[in-house]
Amino acid sequence: HEIATFFAVSFEAKYSAMPAFKFFVIANAIVSIYGFLVLFLPLDDLAIGCCFDMLFTMLLTSSISAALTIAQVGKKENSSTGWLSMCH
């Protein structure tokens, strides 16, 4: 939680309310469950295992990039879209 004051008006930035953070948490939960399943129930076909591993790697990469993008916009403003910085 960060509070910024702009012309005597206080704004509170709550990162937990962002959809990108929810996507990040859900994607990490899905990949963690998959990781535990692979440990205890190994796949017989190596090609299917590689495809699932690549799919979940792409899911993790997209969730991390979404969360970092919103964090970067919160830290540094994007003046071309009119988003002001909320964190210092």
PDB file of N, CA and C in Angstrom:
ATOM      1  N   HIS A   1       0.837  -1.178   0.000  1.00  0.00           N
ATOM      2  CA  HIS A   1       0.000   0.000   0.000  1.00  0.00           C
ATOM      3  C   HIS A   1       0.882   1.241   0.000  1.00  0.00           C
ATOM      4  N   GLU A   2       0.654   2.083  -0.947  1.00  0.00           N
ATOM      5  CA  GLU A   2       1.375   3.345  -1.038  1.00  0.00           C
ATOM      6  C   GLU A   2       0.342   4.464  -1.078  1.00  0.00           C
ATOM      7  N   ILE A   3       0.665   5.597  -0.448  1.00  0.00           N
ATOM      8  CA  ILE A   3      -0.220   6.758  -0.467  1.00  0.00           C
ATOM      9  C   ILE A   3       0.544   7.912  -1.089  1.00  0.00           C
ATOM     10  N   ALA A   4      -0.057   8.514  -2.102  1.00  0.00           N
ATOM     11  CA  ALA A   4       0.535   9.662  -2.766  1.00  0.00           C
ATOM     12  C   ALA A   4      -0.419  10.848  -2.626  1.00  0.00           C
ATOM     13  N   THR A   5       0.141  12.023  -2.417  1.00  0.00           N
ATOM     14  CA  THR A   5      -0.668  13.233  -2.299  1.00  0.00           C
ATOM     15  C   THR A   5      -0.417  14.103  -3.513  1.00  0.00           C
ATOM     16  N   PHE A   6      -1.529  14.531  -4.136  1.00  0.00           N
ATOM     17  CA  PHE A   6      -1.453  15.361  -5.331  1.00  0.00           C
ATOM     18  C   PHE A   6      -2.454  16.491  -5.173  1.00  0.00           C
ATOM     19  N   PHE A   7      -1.971  17.718  -4.993  1.00  0.00           N
ATOM     20  CA  PHE A   7      -2.804  18.895  -4.766  1.00  0.00           C
ATOM     21  C   PHE A   7      -3.792  18.671  -3.626  1.00  0.00           C
ATOM     22  N   ALA A   8      -3.292  18.243  -2.472  1.00  0.00           N
ATOM     23  CA  ALA A   8      -4.055  18.023  -1.243  1.00  0.00           C
ATOM     24  C   ALA A   8      -5.088  16.900  -1.364  1.00  0.00           C
ATOM     25  N   VAL A   9      -4.964  16.040  -2.378  1.00  0.00           N
ATOM     26  CA  VAL A   9      -5.833  14.884  -2.526  1.00  0.00           C
ATOM     27  C   VAL A   9      -4.947  13.643  -2.404  1.00  0.00           C
ATOM     28  N   SER A  10      -5.296  12.751  -1.509  1.00  0.00           N
ATOM     29  CA  SER A  10      -4.506  11.544  -1.290  1.00  0.00           C
ATOM     30  C   SER A  10      -5.065  10.386  -2.103  1.00  0.00           C
ATOM     31  N   PHE A  11      -4.166   9.666  -2.759  1.00  0.00           N
ATOM     32  CA  PHE A  11      -4.508   8.472  -3.519  1.00  0.00           C
ATOM     33  C   PHE A  11      -3.803   7.286  -2.879  1.00  0.00           C
ATOM     34  N   GLU A  12      -4.521   6.207  -2.740  1.00  0.00           N
ATOM     35  CA  GLU A  12      -3.925   5.002  -2.183  1.00  0.00           C
ATOM     36  C   GLU A  12      -3.817   3.946  -3.263  1.00  0.00           C
ATOM     37  N   ALA A  13      -2.608   3.443  -3.470  1.00  0.00           N
ATOM     38  CA  ALA A  13      -2.371   2.412  -4.479  1.00  0.00           C
ATOM     39  C   ALA A  13      -2.438   1.051  -3.807  1.00  0.00           C
ATOM     40  N   LYS A  14      -3.376   0.225  -4.235  1.00  0.00           N
ATOM     41  CA  LYS A  14      -3.506  -1.127  -3.704  1.00  0.00           C
ATOM     42  C   LYS A  14      -3.174  -2.093  -4.822  1.00  0.00           C
ATOM     43  N   TYR A  15      -2.010  -2.721  -4.728  1.00  0.00           N
ATOM     44  CA  TYR A  15      -1.591  -3.636  -5.781  1.00  0.00           C
ATOM     45  C   TYR A  15      -2.431  -4.900  -5.804  1.00  0.00           C
ATOM     46  N   SER A  16      -3.015  -5.273  -4.684  1.00  0.00           N
ATOM     47  CA  SER A  16      -3.799  -6.505  -4.634  1.00  0.00           C
ATOM     48  C   SER A  16      -5.094  -6.395  -5.423  1.00  0.00           C
ATOM     49  N   ALA A  17      -5.504  -5.215  -5.794  1.00  0.00           N
ATOM     50  CA  ALA A  17      -6.743  -5.038  -6.544  1.00  0.00           C
ATOM     51  C   ALA A  17      -6.531  -5.154  -8.058  1.00  0.00           C
ATOM     52  N   MET A  18      -5.303  -5.341  -8.479  1.00  0.00           N
ATOM     53  CA  MET A  18      -5.007  -5.392  -9.905  1.00  0.00           C
ATOM     54  C   MET A  18      -5.306  -6.771 -10.498  1.00  0.00           C
ATOM     55  N   PRO A  19      -5.948  -6.825 -11.650  1.00  0.00           N
ATOM     56  CA  PRO A  19      -6.193  -8.116 -12.300  1.00  0.00           C
ATOM     57  C   PRO A  19      -4.904  -8.827 -12.710  1.00  0.00           C
ATOM     58  N   ALA A  20      -3.853  -8.075 -13.007  1.00  0.00           N
ATOM     59  CA  ALA A  20      -2.579  -8.698 -13.382  1.00  0.00           C
ATOM     60  C   ALA A  20      -1.995  -9.470 -12.207  1.00  0.00           C
ATOM     61  N   PHE A  21      -2.161  -8.941 -10.986  1.00  0.00           N
ATOM     62  CA  PHE A  21      -1.654  -9.654  -9.822  1.00  0.00           C
ATOM     63  C   PHE A  21      -2.456 -10.928  -9.578  1.00  0.00           C
ATOM     64  N   LYS A  22      -3.767 -10.874  -9.792  1.00  0.00           N
ATOM     65  CA  LYS A  22      -4.598 -12.072  -9.654  1.00  0.00           C
ATOM     66  C   LYS A  22      -4.190 -13.123 -10.683  1.00  0.00           C
ATOM     67  N   PHE A  23      -3.944 -12.689 -11.915  1.00  0.00           N
ATOM     68  CA  PHE A  23      -3.482 -13.602 -12.959  1.00  0.00           C
ATOM     69  C   PHE A  23      -2.149 -14.226 -12.582  1.00  0.00           C
ATOM     70  N   PHE A  24      -1.251 -13.432 -11.995  1.00  0.00           N
ATOM     71  CA  PHE A  24       0.056 -13.922 -11.564  1.00  0.00           C
ATOM     72  C   PHE A  24      -0.086 -15.005 -10.496  1.00  0.00           C
ATOM     73  N   VAL A  25      -0.942 -14.761  -9.517  1.00  0.00           N
ATOM     74  CA  VAL A  25      -1.117 -15.720  -8.424  1.00  0.00           C
ATOM     75  C   VAL A  25      -1.781 -17.001  -8.928  1.00  0.00           C
ATOM     76  N   ILE A  26      -2.812 -16.881  -9.760  1.00  0.00           N
ATOM     77  CA  ILE A  26      -3.516 -18.061 -10.269  1.00  0.00           C
ATOM     78  C   ILE A  26      -2.607 -18.888 -11.172  1.00  0.00           C
ATOM     79  N   ALA A  27      -1.838 -18.227 -12.026  1.00  0.00           N
ATOM     80  CA  ALA A  27      -0.926 -18.954 -12.918  1.00  0.00           C
ATOM     81  C   ALA A  27       0.142 -19.693 -12.122  1.00  0.00           C
ATOM     82  N   ASN A  28       0.682 -19.055 -11.085  1.00  0.00           N
ATOM     83  CA  ASN A  28       1.679 -19.734 -10.261  1.00  0.00           C
ATOM     84  C   ASN A  28       1.070 -20.905  -9.500  1.00  0.00           C
ATOM     85  N   ALA A  29      -0.165 -20.782  -9.076  1.00  0.00           N
ATOM     86  CA  ALA A  29      -0.829 -21.896  -8.390  1.00  0.00           C
ATOM     87  C   ALA A  29      -1.033 -23.076  -9.335  1.00  0.00           C
ATOM     88  N   ILE A  30      -1.452 -22.795 -10.564  1.00  0.00           N
ATOM     89  CA  ILE A  30      -1.672 -23.857 -11.547  1.00  0.00           C
ATOM     90  C   ILE A  30      -0.358 -24.582 -11.854  1.00  0.00           C
ATOM     91  N   VAL A  31       0.698 -23.834 -12.063  1.00  0.00           N
ATOM     92  CA  VAL A  31       1.986 -24.443 -12.392  1.00  0.00           C
ATOM     93  C   VAL A  31       2.555 -25.203 -11.192  1.00  0.00           C
ATOM     94  N   SER A  32       2.321 -24.703  -9.991  1.00  0.00           N
ATOM     95  CA  SER A  32       2.786 -25.430  -8.801  1.00  0.00           C
ATOM     96  C   SER A  32       2.062 -26.764  -8.643  1.00  0.00           C
ATOM     97  N   ILE A  33       0.757 -26.760  -8.862  1.00  0.00           N
ATOM     98  CA  ILE A  33      -0.005 -28.014  -8.794  1.00  0.00           C
ATOM     99  C   ILE A  33       0.481 -28.987  -9.863  1.00  0.00           C
ATOM    100  N   TYR A  34       0.722 -28.487 -11.064  1.00  0.00           N
ATOM    101  CA  TYR A  34       1.244 -29.336 -12.132  1.00  0.00           C
ATOM    102  C   TYR A  34       2.617 -29.913 -11.751  1.00  0.00           C
ATOM    103  N   GLY A  35       3.454 -29.092 -11.139  1.00  0.00           N
ATOM    104  CA  GLY A  35       4.784 -29.562 -10.728  1.00  0.00           C
ATOM    105  C   GLY A  35       4.711 -30.684  -9.708  1.00  0.00           C
ATOM    106  N   PHE A  36       3.811 -30.548  -8.739  1.00  0.00           N
ATOM    107  CA  PHE A  36       3.651 -31.627  -7.759  1.00  0.00           C
ATOM    108  C   PHE A  36       3.072 -32.881  -8.387  1.00  0.00           C
ATOM    109  N   LEU A  37       2.147 -32.720  -9.334  1.00  0.00           N
ATOM    110  CA  LEU A  37       1.588 -33.888 -10.003  1.00  0.00           C
ATOM    111  C   LEU A  37       2.639 -34.630 -10.812  1.00  0.00           C
ATOM    112  N   VAL A  38       3.517 -33.901 -11.467  1.00  0.00           N
ATOM    113  CA  VAL A  38       4.566 -34.532 -12.278  1.00  0.00           C
ATOM    114  C   VAL A  38       5.565 -35.272 -11.384  1.00  0.00           C
ATOM    115  N   LEU A  39       5.793 -34.757 -10.191  1.00  0.00           N
ATOM    116  CA  LEU A  39       6.703 -35.448  -9.271  1.00  0.00           C
ATOM    117  C   LEU A  39       6.175 -36.821  -8.860  1.00  0.00           C
ATOM    118  N   PHE A  40       4.880 -36.904  -8.628  1.00  0.00           N
ATOM    119  CA  PHE A  40       4.313 -38.151  -8.117  1.00  0.00           C
ATOM    120  C   PHE A  40       3.673 -39.022  -9.192  1.00  0.00           C
ATOM    121  N   LEU A  41       3.256 -38.424 -10.310  1.00  0.00           N
ATOM    122  CA  LEU A  41       2.650 -39.180 -11.406  1.00  0.00           C
ATOM    123  C   LEU A  41       3.407 -38.878 -12.696  1.00  0.00           C
ATOM    124  N   PRO A  42       4.544 -39.511 -12.916  1.00  0.00           N
ATOM    125  CA  PRO A  42       5.333 -39.198 -14.113  1.00  0.00           C
ATOM    126  C   PRO A  42       4.595 -39.606 -15.396  1.00  0.00           C
ATOM    127  N   LEU A  43       4.775 -38.795 -16.424  1.00  0.00           N
ATOM    128  CA  LEU A  43       4.168 -39.086 -17.721  1.00  0.00           C
ATOM    129  C   LEU A  43       4.998 -40.131 -18.453  1.00  0.00           C
ATOM    130  N   ASP A  44       4.319 -41.048 -19.137  1.00  0.00           N
ATOM    131  CA  ASP A  44       5.018 -42.090 -19.885  1.00  0.00           C
ATOM    132  C   ASP A  44       5.564 -41.574 -21.210  1.00  0.00           C
ATOM    133  N   ASP A  45       4.831 -40.669 -21.836  1.00  0.00           N
ATOM    134  CA  ASP A  45       5.232 -40.151 -23.140  1.00  0.00           C
ATOM    135  C   ASP A  45       6.052 -38.869 -22.942  1.00  0.00           C
ATOM    136  N   LEU A  46       7.269 -38.877 -23.436  1.00  0.00           N
ATOM    137  CA  LEU A  46       8.158 -37.730 -23.252  1.00  0.00           C
ATOM    138  C   LEU A  46       7.696 -36.525 -24.066  1.00  0.00           C
ATOM    139  N   ALA A  47       7.121 -36.738 -25.234  1.00  0.00           N
ATOM    140  CA  ALA A  47       6.671 -35.630 -26.079  1.00  0.00           C
ATOM    141  C   ALA A  47       5.521 -34.865 -25.429  1.00  0.00           C
ATOM    142  N   ILE A  48       4.597 -35.579 -24.817  1.00  0.00           N
ATOM    143  CA  ILE A  48       3.489 -34.904 -24.137  1.00  0.00           C
ATOM    144  C   ILE A  48       4.012 -34.118 -22.939  1.00  0.00           C
ATOM    145  N   GLY A  49       4.961 -34.693 -22.214  1.00  0.00           N
ATOM    146  CA  GLY A  49       5.553 -33.997 -21.073  1.00  0.00           C
ATOM    147  C   GLY A  49       6.262 -32.717 -21.486  1.00  0.00           C
ATOM    148  N   CYS A  50       6.978 -32.756 -22.592  1.00  0.00           N
ATOM    149  CA  CYS A  50       7.667 -31.560 -23.084  1.00  0.00           C
ATOM    150  C   CYS A  50       6.665 -30.487 -23.513  1.00  0.00           C
ATOM    151  N   CYS A  51       5.573 -30.922 -24.153  1.00  0.00           N
ATOM    152  CA  CYS A  51       4.545 -29.959 -24.575  1.00  0.00           C
ATOM    153  C   CYS A  51       3.901 -29.289 -23.368  1.00  0.00           C
ATOM    154  N   PHE A  52       3.575 -30.070 -22.324  1.00  0.00           N
ATOM    155  CA  PHE A  52       3.001 -29.482 -21.112  1.00  0.00           C
ATOM    156  C   PHE A  52       3.996 -28.557 -20.424  1.00  0.00           C
ATOM    157  N   ASP A  53       5.255 -28.952 -20.372  1.00  0.00           N
ATOM    158  CA  ASP A  53       6.267 -28.094 -19.747  1.00  0.00           C
ATOM    159  C   ASP A  53       6.403 -26.771 -20.488  1.00  0.00           C
ATOM    160  N   MET A  54       6.403 -26.809 -21.803  1.00  0.00           N
ATOM    161  CA  MET A  54       6.496 -25.565 -22.582  1.00  0.00           C
ATOM    162  C   MET A  54       5.248 -24.714 -22.402  1.00  0.00           C
ATOM    163  N   LEU A  55       4.083 -25.341 -22.341  1.00  0.00           N
ATOM    164  CA  LEU A  55       2.832 -24.610 -22.143  1.00  0.00           C
ATOM    165  C   LEU A  55       2.833 -23.883 -20.803  1.00  0.00           C
ATOM    166  N   PHE A  56       3.247 -24.578 -19.750  1.00  0.00           N
ATOM    167  CA  PHE A  56       3.256 -23.949 -18.433  1.00  0.00           C
ATOM    168  C   PHE A  56       4.379 -22.936 -18.290  1.00  0.00           C
ATOM    169  N   THR A  57       5.471 -23.120 -19.008  1.00  0.00           N
ATOM    170  CA  THR A  57       6.523 -22.101 -19.019  1.00  0.00           C
ATOM    171  C   THR A  57       6.028 -20.816 -19.668  1.00  0.00           C
ATOM    172  N   MET A  58       5.283 -20.944 -20.755  1.00  0.00           N
ATOM    173  CA  MET A  58       4.703 -19.755 -21.396  1.00  0.00           C
ATOM    174  C   MET A  58       3.672 -19.093 -20.491  1.00  0.00           C
ATOM    175  N   LEU A  59       2.894 -19.882 -19.753  1.00  0.00           N
ATOM    176  CA  LEU A  59       1.919 -19.329 -18.810  1.00  0.00           C
ATOM    177  C   LEU A  59       2.614 -18.539 -17.714  1.00  0.00           C
ATOM    178  N   LEU A  60       3.689 -19.097 -17.157  1.00  0.00           N
ATOM    179  CA  LEU A  60       4.438 -18.374 -16.125  1.00  0.00           C
ATOM    180  C   LEU A  60       5.079 -17.103 -16.664  1.00  0.00           C
ATOM    181  N   THR A  61       5.640 -17.180 -17.856  1.00  0.00           N
ATOM    182  CA  THR A  61       6.280 -16.002 -18.453  1.00  0.00           C
ATOM    183  C   THR A  61       5.271 -14.889 -18.691  1.00  0.00           C
ATOM    184  N   SER A  62       4.090 -15.239 -19.180  1.00  0.00           N
ATOM    185  CA  SER A  62       3.083 -14.206 -19.426  1.00  0.00           C
ATOM    186  C   SER A  62       2.560 -13.607 -18.126  1.00  0.00           C
ATOM    187  N   SER A  63       2.424 -14.424 -17.077  1.00  0.00           N
ATOM    188  CA  SER A  63       1.942 -13.873 -15.810  1.00  0.00           C
ATOM    189  C   SER A  63       2.980 -12.963 -15.165  1.00  0.00           C
ATOM    190  N   ILE A  64       4.251 -13.343 -15.249  1.00  0.00           N
ATOM    191  CA  ILE A  64       5.309 -12.500 -14.693  1.00  0.00           C
ATOM    192  C   ILE A  64       5.409 -11.184 -15.456  1.00  0.00           C
ATOM    193  N   SER A  65       5.307 -11.239 -16.776  1.00  0.00           N
ATOM    194  CA  SER A  65       5.397 -10.001 -17.559  1.00  0.00           C
ATOM    195  C   SER A  65       4.198  -9.095 -17.320  1.00  0.00           C
ATOM    196  N   ALA A  66       3.013  -9.666 -17.118  1.00  0.00           N
ATOM    197  CA  ALA A  66       1.834  -8.838 -16.826  1.00  0.00           C
ATOM    198  C   ALA A  66       1.984  -8.138 -15.481  1.00  0.00           C
ATOM    199  N   ALA A  67       2.439  -8.867 -14.470  1.00  0.00           N
ATOM    200  CA  ALA A  67       2.614  -8.271 -13.148  1.00  0.00           C
ATOM    201  C   ALA A  67       3.712  -7.206 -13.156  1.00  0.00           C
ATOM    202  N   LEU A  68       4.801  -7.470 -13.851  1.00  0.00           N
ATOM    203  CA  LEU A  68       5.890  -6.489 -13.901  1.00  0.00           C
ATOM    204  C   LEU A  68       5.514  -5.247 -14.708  1.00  0.00           C
ATOM    205  N   THR A  69       4.684  -5.420 -15.714  1.00  0.00           N
ATOM    206  CA  THR A  69       4.234  -4.257 -16.488  1.00  0.00           C
ATOM    207  C   THR A  69       3.399  -3.321 -15.633  1.00  0.00           C
ATOM    208  N   ILE A  70       2.468  -3.875 -14.876  1.00  0.00           N
ATOM    209  CA  ILE A  70       1.643  -3.037 -14.007  1.00  0.00           C
ATOM    210  C   ILE A  70       2.487  -2.408 -12.899  1.00  0.00           C
ATOM    211  N   ALA A  71       3.457  -3.144 -12.384  1.00  0.00           N
ATOM    212  CA  ALA A  71       4.340  -2.579 -11.363  1.00  0.00           C
ATOM    213  C   ALA A  71       5.175  -1.438 -11.924  1.00  0.00           C
ATOM    214  N   GLN A  72       5.630  -1.576 -13.151  1.00  0.00           N
ATOM    215  CA  GLN A  72       6.428  -0.523 -13.778  1.00  0.00           C
ATOM    216  C   GLN A  72       5.587   0.724 -14.036  1.00  0.00           C
ATOM    217  N   VAL A  73       4.343   0.537 -14.445  1.00  0.00           N
ATOM    218  CA  VAL A  73       3.461   1.687 -14.659  1.00  0.00           C
ATOM    219  C   VAL A  73       3.160   2.367 -13.330  1.00  0.00           C
ATOM    220  N   GLY A  74       3.031   1.582 -12.254  1.00  0.00           N
ATOM    221  CA  GLY A  74       2.805   2.178 -10.945  1.00  0.00           C
ATOM    222  C   GLY A  74       4.009   2.935 -10.428  1.00  0.00           C
ATOM    223  N   LYS A  75       5.184   2.478 -10.802  1.00  0.00           N
ATOM    224  CA  LYS A  75       6.406   3.135 -10.333  1.00  0.00           C
ATOM    225  C   LYS A  75       6.754   4.357 -11.177  1.00  0.00           C
ATOM    226  N   LYS A  76       6.684   4.187 -12.485  1.00  0.00           N
ATOM    227  CA  LYS A  76       6.995   5.286 -13.400  1.00  0.00           C
ATOM    228  C   LYS A  76       5.757   5.533 -14.249  1.00  0.00           C
ATOM    229  N   GLU A  77       5.392   6.760 -14.378  1.00  0.00           N
ATOM    230  CA  GLU A  77       4.156   7.051 -15.099  1.00  0.00           C
ATOM    231  C   GLU A  77       4.299   6.833 -16.602  1.00  0.00           C
ATOM    232  N   ASN A  78       3.174   6.674 -17.254  1.00  0.00           N
ATOM    233  CA  ASN A  78       3.111   6.563 -18.702  1.00  0.00           C
ATOM    234  C   ASN A  78       2.325   7.768 -19.192  1.00  0.00           C
ATOM    235  N   SER A  79       3.030   8.817 -19.537  1.00  0.00           N
ATOM    236  CA  SER A  79       2.364  10.079 -19.867  1.00  0.00           C
ATOM    237  C   SER A  79       1.591  10.022 -21.176  1.00  0.00           C
ATOM    238  N   SER A  80       1.948   9.132 -22.078  1.00  0.00           N
ATOM    239  CA  SER A  80       1.230   9.068 -23.352  1.00  0.00           C
ATOM    240  C   SER A  80      -0.180   8.511 -23.185  1.00  0.00           C
ATOM    241  N   THR A  81      -0.408   7.705 -22.153  1.00  0.00           N
ATOM    242  CA  THR A  81      -1.749   7.180 -21.897  1.00  0.00           C
ATOM    243  C   THR A  81      -2.455   7.913 -20.770  1.00  0.00           C
ATOM    244  N   GLY A  82      -1.761   8.810 -20.093  1.00  0.00           N
ATOM    245  CA  GLY A  82      -2.368   9.580 -19.009  1.00  0.00           C
ATOM    246  C   GLY A  82      -2.325   8.873 -17.660  1.00  0.00           C
ATOM    247  N   TRP A  83      -1.529   7.811 -17.526  1.00  0.00           N
ATOM    248  CA  TRP A  83      -1.413   7.118 -16.247  1.00  0.00           C
ATOM    249  C   TRP A  83      -0.320   7.778 -15.433  1.00  0.00           C
ATOM    250  N   LEU A  84      -0.659   8.283 -14.254  1.00  0.00           N
ATOM    251  CA  LEU A  84       0.302   8.932 -13.394  1.00  0.00           C
ATOM    252  C   LEU A  84       0.912   7.906 -12.442  1.00  0.00           C
ATOM    253  N   SER A  85       2.116   8.187 -11.981  1.00  0.00           N
ATOM    254  CA  SER A  85       2.767   7.262 -11.059  1.00  0.00           C
ATOM    255  C   SER A  85       2.070   7.291  -9.702  1.00  0.00           C
ATOM    256  N   MET A  86       1.966   6.117  -9.063  1.00  0.00           N
ATOM    257  CA  MET A  86       1.296   6.004  -7.775  1.00  0.00           C
ATOM    258  C   MET A  86       2.282   5.669  -6.662  1.00  0.00           C
ATOM    259  N   CYS A  87       3.444   5.166  -6.990  1.00  0.00           N
ATOM    260  CA  CYS A  87       4.439   4.767  -5.997  1.00  0.00           C
ATOM    261  C   CYS A  87       5.685   5.608  -6.197  1.00  0.00           C
ATOM    262  N   HIS A  88       6.377   5.859  -5.111  1.00  0.00           N
ATOM    263  CA  HIS A  88       7.590   6.668  -5.198  1.00  0.00           C
ATOM    264  C   HIS A  88       8.800   5.811  -4.973  1.00  0.00           C
TER     265      HIS A  88
END
